[in-house]
Amino acid sequence: MVRGSVSIDDEKIGARIRLARLQRGLSQSELGNSLDLSFQQVQKYEKGTNHVSAVRLCKIAQLLGVPFAYFVEDVDLASVKDRRHKPITSTAELISSIDALALLTAFNRIDKPALRRRCLALVQAIADET
């Protein structure tokens, strides 16, 4: 990675760390404590601001109960690009925000298919307006 640049792959790995952490119901502080890190360091990993070493990533995978490959699958470890032009390329990136995860969690609790379709139509209509 080039100094001063943010690797898209560091962002992808960070997004996957965040997703796995949220799925386990852990806060950044809880994960940081388990790794002897501050929550700020976990936050930097999740944003892709700081590179996560392979050894640290193995420990994170173990703590979050996911295979190491979960973090590096489909990741080009040599790419360094401008983060402002990064397209969403995976489901993990799409649902890495807390709002998206909360929306999906609530949506999955709706048992009635007709109501689910109406909710989806509402969200799509709102998205089309923006």
N, C-alpha and C. Protein backbone atom coordinates (compact mmCIF):
# COMPACT_ATOMS: atom_id res chain seq x y z
N MET A 1 0.84 -1.18 0.00
CA MET A 1 0.00 0.00 0.00
C MET A 1 0.88 1.24 0.00
N VAL A 2 0.51 2.22 -0.74
CA VAL A 2 1.24 3.46 -0.84
C VAL A 2 0.87 4.36 0.33
N ARG A 3 1.88 4.95 0.98
CA ARG A 3 1.59 5.85 2.12
C ARG A 3 0.72 7.01 1.67
N GLY A 4 -0.25 7.38 2.51
CA GLY A 4 -1.12 8.51 2.20
C GLY A 4 -2.32 8.13 1.35
N SER A 5 -2.36 6.92 0.85
CA SER A 5 -3.50 6.46 0.06
C SER A 5 -4.28 5.43 0.85
N VAL A 6 -5.53 5.28 0.49
CA VAL A 6 -6.36 4.28 1.12
C VAL A 6 -6.61 3.18 0.12
N SER A 7 -6.30 1.96 0.49
CA SER A 7 -6.54 0.84 -0.39
C SER A 7 -8.00 0.44 -0.33
N ILE A 8 -8.57 0.25 -1.49
CA ILE A 8 -9.96 -0.22 -1.54
C ILE A 8 -10.06 -1.55 -0.81
N ASP A 9 -9.03 -2.34 -0.92
CA ASP A 9 -9.08 -3.64 -0.27
C ASP A 9 -9.03 -3.53 1.24
N ASP A 10 -8.31 -2.55 1.78
CA ASP A 10 -8.37 -2.29 3.21
C ASP A 10 -9.79 -1.90 3.60
N GLU A 11 -10.47 -1.15 2.74
CA GLU A 11 -11.86 -0.78 3.00
C GLU A 11 -12.77 -2.02 2.94
N LYS A 12 -12.55 -2.89 1.96
CA LYS A 12 -13.36 -4.11 1.85
C LYS A 12 -13.18 -4.99 3.07
N ILE A 13 -11.93 -5.18 3.46
CA ILE A 13 -11.64 -6.00 4.63
C ILE A 13 -12.27 -5.36 5.86
N GLY A 14 -12.13 -4.04 5.99
CA GLY A 14 -12.72 -3.33 7.13
C GLY A 14 -14.24 -3.46 7.16
N ALA A 15 -14.87 -3.36 5.99
CA ALA A 15 -16.33 -3.50 5.92
C ALA A 15 -16.75 -4.90 6.35
N ARG A 16 -15.95 -5.88 6.00
CA ARG A 16 -16.28 -7.27 6.39
C ARG A 16 -16.06 -7.47 7.88
N ILE A 17 -15.04 -6.83 8.43
CA ILE A 17 -14.84 -6.90 9.89
C ILE A 17 -16.06 -6.30 10.58
N ARG A 18 -16.48 -5.14 10.12
CA ARG A 18 -17.64 -4.46 10.71
C ARG A 18 -18.89 -5.32 10.62
N LEU A 19 -19.14 -5.89 9.45
CA LEU A 19 -20.32 -6.72 9.26
C LEU A 19 -20.30 -7.92 10.20
N ALA A 20 -19.18 -8.62 10.27
CA ALA A 20 -19.07 -9.79 11.15
C ALA A 20 -19.23 -9.39 12.61
N ARG A 21 -18.65 -8.24 12.99
CA ARG A 21 -18.78 -7.76 14.37
C ARG A 21 -20.23 -7.45 14.71
N LEU A 22 -20.91 -6.75 13.80
CA LEU A 22 -22.31 -6.40 14.04
C LEU A 22 -23.20 -7.65 14.09
N GLN A 23 -22.91 -8.63 13.24
CA GLN A 23 -23.69 -9.86 13.24
C GLN A 23 -23.51 -10.63 14.55
N ARG A 24 -22.35 -10.49 15.18
CA ARG A 24 -22.10 -11.13 16.48
C ARG A 24 -22.62 -10.29 17.63
N GLY A 25 -23.08 -9.07 17.33
CA GLY A 25 -23.63 -8.20 18.37
C GLY A 25 -22.57 -7.59 19.27
N LEU A 26 -21.36 -7.42 18.76
CA LEU A 26 -20.28 -6.84 19.55
C LEU A 26 -20.10 -5.36 19.22
N SER A 27 -19.72 -4.59 20.21
CA SER A 27 -19.36 -3.19 19.97
C SER A 27 -17.90 -3.14 19.56
N GLN A 28 -17.49 -1.99 19.05
CA GLN A 28 -16.08 -1.81 18.71
C GLN A 28 -15.22 -1.92 19.97
N SER A 29 -15.73 -1.45 21.09
CA SER A 29 -14.99 -1.54 22.35
C SER A 29 -14.80 -2.99 22.78
N GLU A 30 -15.85 -3.79 22.65
CA GLU A 30 -15.75 -5.20 23.03
C GLU A 30 -14.75 -5.95 22.17
N LEU A 31 -14.80 -5.72 20.86
CA LEU A 31 -13.84 -6.37 19.99
C LEU A 31 -12.43 -5.87 20.30
N GLY A 32 -12.29 -4.56 20.48
CA GLY A 32 -10.99 -3.99 20.82
C GLY A 32 -10.42 -4.57 22.10
N ASN A 33 -11.25 -4.71 23.12
CA ASN A 33 -10.79 -5.29 24.39
C ASN A 33 -10.29 -6.71 24.20
N SER A 34 -10.97 -7.48 23.37
CA SER A 34 -10.56 -8.86 23.11
C SER A 34 -9.23 -8.93 22.37
N LEU A 35 -8.91 -7.86 21.65
CA LEU A 35 -7.67 -7.80 20.87
C LEU A 35 -6.59 -6.95 21.55
N ASP A 36 -6.88 -6.45 22.76
CA ASP A 36 -5.99 -5.52 23.46
C ASP A 36 -5.74 -4.27 22.63
N LEU A 37 -6.81 -3.76 22.03
CA LEU A 37 -6.77 -2.54 21.22
C LEU A 37 -7.83 -1.58 21.73
N SER A 38 -7.68 -0.31 21.37
CA SER A 38 -8.72 0.66 21.67
C SER A 38 -9.85 0.54 20.65
N PHE A 39 -11.01 1.04 20.99
CA PHE A 39 -12.11 1.02 20.03
C PHE A 39 -11.76 1.89 18.83
N GLN A 40 -10.92 2.92 19.05
CA GLN A 40 -10.52 3.78 17.94
C GLN A 40 -9.72 3.00 16.89
N GLN A 41 -8.88 2.08 17.35
CA GLN A 41 -8.10 1.27 16.41
C GLN A 41 -9.02 0.35 15.62
N VAL A 42 -10.00 -0.25 16.28
CA VAL A 42 -10.97 -1.10 15.59
C VAL A 42 -11.71 -0.25 14.56
N GLN A 43 -12.09 0.96 14.94
CA GLN A 43 -12.78 1.88 14.04
C GLN A 43 -11.93 2.18 12.81
N LYS A 44 -10.63 2.39 13.00
CA LYS A 44 -9.73 2.65 11.88
C LYS A 44 -9.60 1.44 10.97
N TYR A 45 -9.57 0.24 11.56
CA TYR A 45 -9.55 -0.98 10.74
C TYR A 45 -10.82 -1.06 9.90
N GLU A 46 -11.97 -0.82 10.54
CA GLU A 46 -13.26 -0.95 9.86
C GLU A 46 -13.43 0.07 8.74
N LYS A 47 -12.88 1.25 8.89
CA LYS A 47 -12.97 2.28 7.86
C LYS A 47 -11.95 2.07 6.76
N GLY A 48 -10.96 1.21 7.02
CA GLY A 48 -9.89 1.00 6.04
C GLY A 48 -8.80 2.04 6.14
N THR A 49 -8.85 2.86 7.19
CA THR A 49 -7.84 3.89 7.40
C THR A 49 -6.50 3.26 7.75
N ASN A 50 -6.53 2.22 8.58
CA ASN A 50 -5.32 1.49 8.96
C ASN A 50 -5.37 0.08 8.39
N HIS A 51 -4.22 -0.38 7.93
CA HIS A 51 -4.09 -1.72 7.38
C HIS A 51 -4.12 -2.74 8.52
N VAL A 52 -4.80 -3.86 8.32
CA VAL A 52 -4.86 -4.94 9.31
C VAL A 52 -3.86 -6.00 8.88
N SER A 53 -2.93 -6.34 9.78
CA SER A 53 -1.95 -7.38 9.44
C SER A 53 -2.65 -8.73 9.35
N ALA A 54 -2.02 -9.66 8.67
CA ALA A 54 -2.59 -11.01 8.51
C ALA A 54 -2.74 -11.70 9.87
N VAL A 55 -1.77 -11.50 10.74
CA VAL A 55 -1.83 -12.12 12.07
C VAL A 55 -3.02 -11.57 12.86
N ARG A 56 -3.19 -10.25 12.80
CA ARG A 56 -4.32 -9.62 13.50
C ARG A 56 -5.64 -10.07 12.89
N LEU A 57 -5.69 -10.18 11.57
CA LEU A 57 -6.90 -10.60 10.88
C LEU A 57 -7.28 -12.03 11.26
N CYS A 58 -6.27 -12.89 11.43
CA CYS A 58 -6.54 -14.27 11.89
C CYS A 58 -7.19 -14.26 13.27
N LYS A 59 -6.69 -13.41 14.16
CA LYS A 59 -7.25 -13.31 15.51
C LYS A 59 -8.68 -12.77 15.46
N ILE A 60 -8.91 -11.77 14.62
CA ILE A 60 -10.26 -11.21 14.47
C ILE A 60 -11.22 -12.27 13.94
N ALA A 61 -10.76 -13.04 12.95
CA ALA A 61 -11.60 -14.11 12.40
C ALA A 61 -11.97 -15.12 13.49
N GLN A 62 -11.00 -15.48 14.29
CA GLN A 62 -11.24 -16.42 15.39
C GLN A 62 -12.25 -15.87 16.38
N LEU A 63 -12.08 -14.61 16.78
CA LEU A 63 -12.98 -13.99 17.75
C LEU A 63 -14.41 -13.84 17.22
N LEU A 64 -14.53 -13.57 15.91
CA LEU A 64 -15.85 -13.34 15.32
C LEU A 64 -16.48 -14.62 14.76
N GLY A 65 -15.74 -15.72 14.83
CA GLY A 65 -16.29 -17.00 14.41
C GLY A 65 -16.49 -17.13 12.91
N VAL A 66 -15.60 -16.52 12.14
CA VAL A 66 -15.66 -16.63 10.69
C VAL A 66 -14.31 -17.13 10.18
N PRO A 67 -14.29 -17.77 9.02
CA PRO A 67 -13.00 -18.21 8.48
C PRO A 67 -12.19 -17.01 7.98
N PHE A 68 -10.89 -17.14 8.02
CA PHE A 68 -10.00 -16.07 7.54
C PHE A 68 -10.37 -15.67 6.11
N ALA A 69 -10.72 -16.65 5.29
CA ALA A 69 -11.05 -16.40 3.88
C ALA A 69 -12.21 -15.43 3.73
N TYR A 70 -13.09 -15.36 4.72
CA TYR A 70 -14.23 -14.44 4.67
C TYR A 70 -13.76 -13.00 4.42
N PHE A 71 -12.62 -12.64 5.02
CA PHE A 71 -12.13 -11.27 4.91
C PHE A 71 -11.39 -10.99 3.62
N VAL A 72 -10.76 -11.98 3.03
CA VAL A 72 -9.90 -11.74 1.87
C VAL A 72 -10.45 -12.30 0.57
N GLU A 73 -11.59 -12.95 0.62
CA GLU A 73 -12.22 -13.49 -0.57
C GLU A 73 -12.52 -12.36 -1.55
N ASP A 74 -12.15 -12.55 -2.81
CA ASP A 74 -12.40 -11.57 -3.88
C ASP A 74 -11.73 -10.22 -3.63
N VAL A 75 -10.64 -10.19 -2.91
CA VAL A 75 -9.94 -8.95 -2.61
C VAL A 75 -8.64 -8.92 -3.40
N ASP A 76 -8.43 -7.84 -4.14
CA ASP A 76 -7.19 -7.62 -4.87
C ASP A 76 -6.24 -6.90 -3.93
N LEU A 77 -5.34 -7.63 -3.32
CA LEU A 77 -4.48 -7.07 -2.29
C LEU A 77 -3.46 -6.08 -2.83
N ALA A 78 -3.33 -5.96 -4.14
CA ALA A 78 -2.35 -5.04 -4.71
C ALA A 78 -2.96 -3.71 -5.15
N SER A 79 -4.29 -3.60 -5.13
CA SER A 79 -4.89 -2.37 -5.68
C SER A 79 -4.88 -1.23 -4.67
N VAL A 80 -4.62 -0.05 -5.18
CA VAL A 80 -4.72 1.18 -4.40
C VAL A 80 -5.47 2.17 -5.27
N LYS A 81 -6.65 2.61 -4.80
CA LYS A 81 -7.49 3.47 -5.62
C LYS A 81 -8.09 4.58 -4.78
N ASP A 82 -8.71 5.50 -5.43
CA ASP A 82 -9.38 6.62 -4.79
C ASP A 82 -10.72 6.15 -4.24
N ARG A 83 -10.94 6.29 -2.95
CA ARG A 83 -12.15 5.77 -2.30
C ARG A 83 -13.43 6.49 -2.75
N ARG A 84 -13.34 7.70 -3.30
CA ARG A 84 -14.53 8.44 -3.69
C ARG A 84 -15.23 7.82 -4.90
N HIS A 85 -14.53 7.00 -5.67
CA HIS A 85 -15.10 6.43 -6.88
C HIS A 85 -15.31 4.93 -6.77
N LYS A 86 -15.42 4.43 -5.57
CA LYS A 86 -15.54 3.00 -5.34
C LYS A 86 -16.98 2.54 -5.50
N PRO A 87 -17.25 1.66 -6.46
CA PRO A 87 -18.59 1.11 -6.57
C PRO A 87 -18.82 0.01 -5.53
N ILE A 88 -20.06 -0.22 -5.18
CA ILE A 88 -20.39 -1.33 -4.29
C ILE A 88 -20.29 -2.60 -5.11
N THR A 89 -19.46 -3.53 -4.65
CA THR A 89 -19.20 -4.73 -5.43
C THR A 89 -19.61 -6.02 -4.75
N SER A 90 -20.10 -5.94 -3.52
CA SER A 90 -20.50 -7.18 -2.84
C SER A 90 -21.63 -6.90 -1.86
N THR A 91 -22.32 -7.94 -1.51
CA THR A 91 -23.39 -7.84 -0.53
C THR A 91 -22.83 -7.39 0.82
N ALA A 92 -21.66 -7.88 1.17
CA ALA A 92 -21.05 -7.49 2.44
C ALA A 92 -20.84 -5.99 2.52
N GLU A 93 -20.40 -5.38 1.43
CA GLU A 93 -20.22 -3.92 1.41
C GLU A 93 -21.56 -3.21 1.49
N LEU A 94 -22.55 -3.75 0.83
CA LEU A 94 -23.87 -3.13 0.79
C LEU A 94 -24.48 -3.04 2.19
N ILE A 95 -24.34 -4.10 2.97
CA ILE A 95 -24.99 -4.12 4.29
C ILE A 95 -24.01 -3.83 5.42
N SER A 96 -22.88 -3.22 5.10
CA SER A 96 -21.91 -2.94 6.15
C SER A 96 -22.29 -1.74 7.00
N SER A 97 -23.27 -0.95 6.56
CA SER A 97 -23.68 0.18 7.39
C SER A 97 -24.67 -0.30 8.44
N ILE A 98 -24.65 0.34 9.58
CA ILE A 98 -25.55 -0.03 10.67
C ILE A 98 -27.00 0.18 10.27
N ASP A 99 -27.28 1.22 9.48
CA ASP A 99 -28.66 1.49 9.05
C ASP A 99 -29.16 0.39 8.12
N ALA A 100 -28.33 -0.03 7.18
CA ALA A 100 -28.74 -1.08 6.25
C ALA A 100 -28.97 -2.39 6.98
N LEU A 101 -28.10 -2.70 7.93
CA LEU A 101 -28.26 -3.93 8.71
C LEU A 101 -29.53 -3.87 9.55
N ALA A 102 -29.82 -2.72 10.15
CA ALA A 102 -31.04 -2.57 10.95
C ALA A 102 -32.28 -2.69 10.07
N LEU A 103 -32.24 -2.09 8.87
CA LEU A 103 -33.36 -2.19 7.94
C LEU A 103 -33.62 -3.64 7.54
N LEU A 104 -32.57 -4.36 7.21
CA LEU A 104 -32.73 -5.78 6.83
C LEU A 104 -33.24 -6.63 7.99
N THR A 105 -32.72 -6.36 9.17
CA THR A 105 -33.15 -7.12 10.35
C THR A 105 -34.64 -6.91 10.62
N ALA A 106 -35.07 -5.65 10.56
CA ALA A 106 -36.49 -5.35 10.77
C ALA A 106 -37.34 -5.94 9.66
N PHE A 107 -36.89 -5.80 8.42
CA PHE A 107 -37.63 -6.33 7.28
C PHE A 107 -37.84 -7.84 7.41
N ASN A 108 -36.81 -8.55 7.86
CA ASN A 108 -36.91 -10.01 8.00
C ASN A 108 -37.86 -10.45 9.11
N ARG A 109 -38.23 -9.54 10.00
CA ARG A 109 -39.19 -9.88 11.05
C ARG A 109 -40.63 -9.76 10.57
N ILE A 110 -40.86 -9.20 9.40
CA ILE A 110 -42.22 -9.07 8.86
C ILE A 110 -42.64 -10.41 8.27
N ASP A 111 -43.68 -11.00 8.84
CA ASP A 111 -44.10 -12.34 8.44
C ASP A 111 -45.04 -12.37 7.24
N LYS A 112 -45.79 -11.31 7.04
CA LYS A 112 -46.81 -11.31 5.98
C LYS A 112 -46.18 -10.91 4.64
N PRO A 113 -46.23 -11.81 3.63
CA PRO A 113 -45.63 -11.51 2.32
C PRO A 113 -46.16 -10.24 1.67
N ALA A 114 -47.46 -9.99 1.78
CA ALA A 114 -48.04 -8.79 1.15
C ALA A 114 -47.48 -7.53 1.80
N LEU A 115 -47.33 -7.54 3.11
CA LEU A 115 -46.79 -6.38 3.83
C LEU A 115 -45.31 -6.18 3.48
N ARG A 116 -44.59 -7.29 3.34
CA ARG A 116 -43.18 -7.19 2.94
C ARG A 116 -43.06 -6.52 1.57
N ARG A 117 -43.92 -6.93 0.64
CA ARG A 117 -43.88 -6.34 -0.70
C ARG A 117 -44.20 -4.85 -0.65
N ARG A 118 -45.17 -4.47 0.19
CA ARG A 118 -45.53 -3.04 0.31
C ARG A 118 -44.37 -2.24 0.91
N CYS A 119 -43.70 -2.81 1.90
CA CYS A 119 -42.54 -2.13 2.49
C CYS A 119 -41.42 -1.97 1.47
N LEU A 120 -41.17 -3.00 0.70
CA LEU A 120 -40.15 -2.94 -0.33
C LEU A 120 -40.50 -1.86 -1.36
N ALA A 121 -41.76 -1.82 -1.77
CA ALA A 121 -42.20 -0.83 -2.74
C ALA A 121 -42.02 0.59 -2.18
N LEU A 122 -42.31 0.77 -0.90
CA LEU A 122 -42.14 2.08 -0.26
C LEU A 122 -40.68 2.51 -0.28
N VAL A 123 -39.78 1.61 0.13
CA VAL A 123 -38.36 1.94 0.16
C VAL A 123 -37.85 2.23 -1.25
N GLN A 124 -38.29 1.43 -2.22
CA GLN A 124 -37.87 1.68 -3.60
C GLN A 124 -38.37 3.02 -4.10
N ALA A 125 -39.60 3.38 -3.77
CA ALA A 125 -40.14 4.68 -4.18
C ALA A 125 -39.37 5.83 -3.56
N ILE A 126 -39.02 5.69 -2.30
CA ILE A 126 -38.23 6.73 -1.63
C ILE A 126 -36.86 6.85 -2.28
N ALA A 127 -36.24 5.72 -2.57
CA ALA A 127 -34.91 5.72 -3.20
C ALA A 127 -34.97 6.36 -4.59
N ASP A 128 -36.04 6.13 -5.31
CA ASP A 128 -36.19 6.71 -6.65
C ASP A 128 -36.35 8.23 -6.61
N GLU A 129 -36.83 8.74 -5.48
CA GLU A 129 -37.03 10.19 -5.32
C GLU A 129 -35.72 10.91 -5.04
N THR A 130 -34.72 10.21 -4.57
CA THR A 130 -33.46 10.88 -4.18
C THR A 130 -32.48 10.94 -5.30
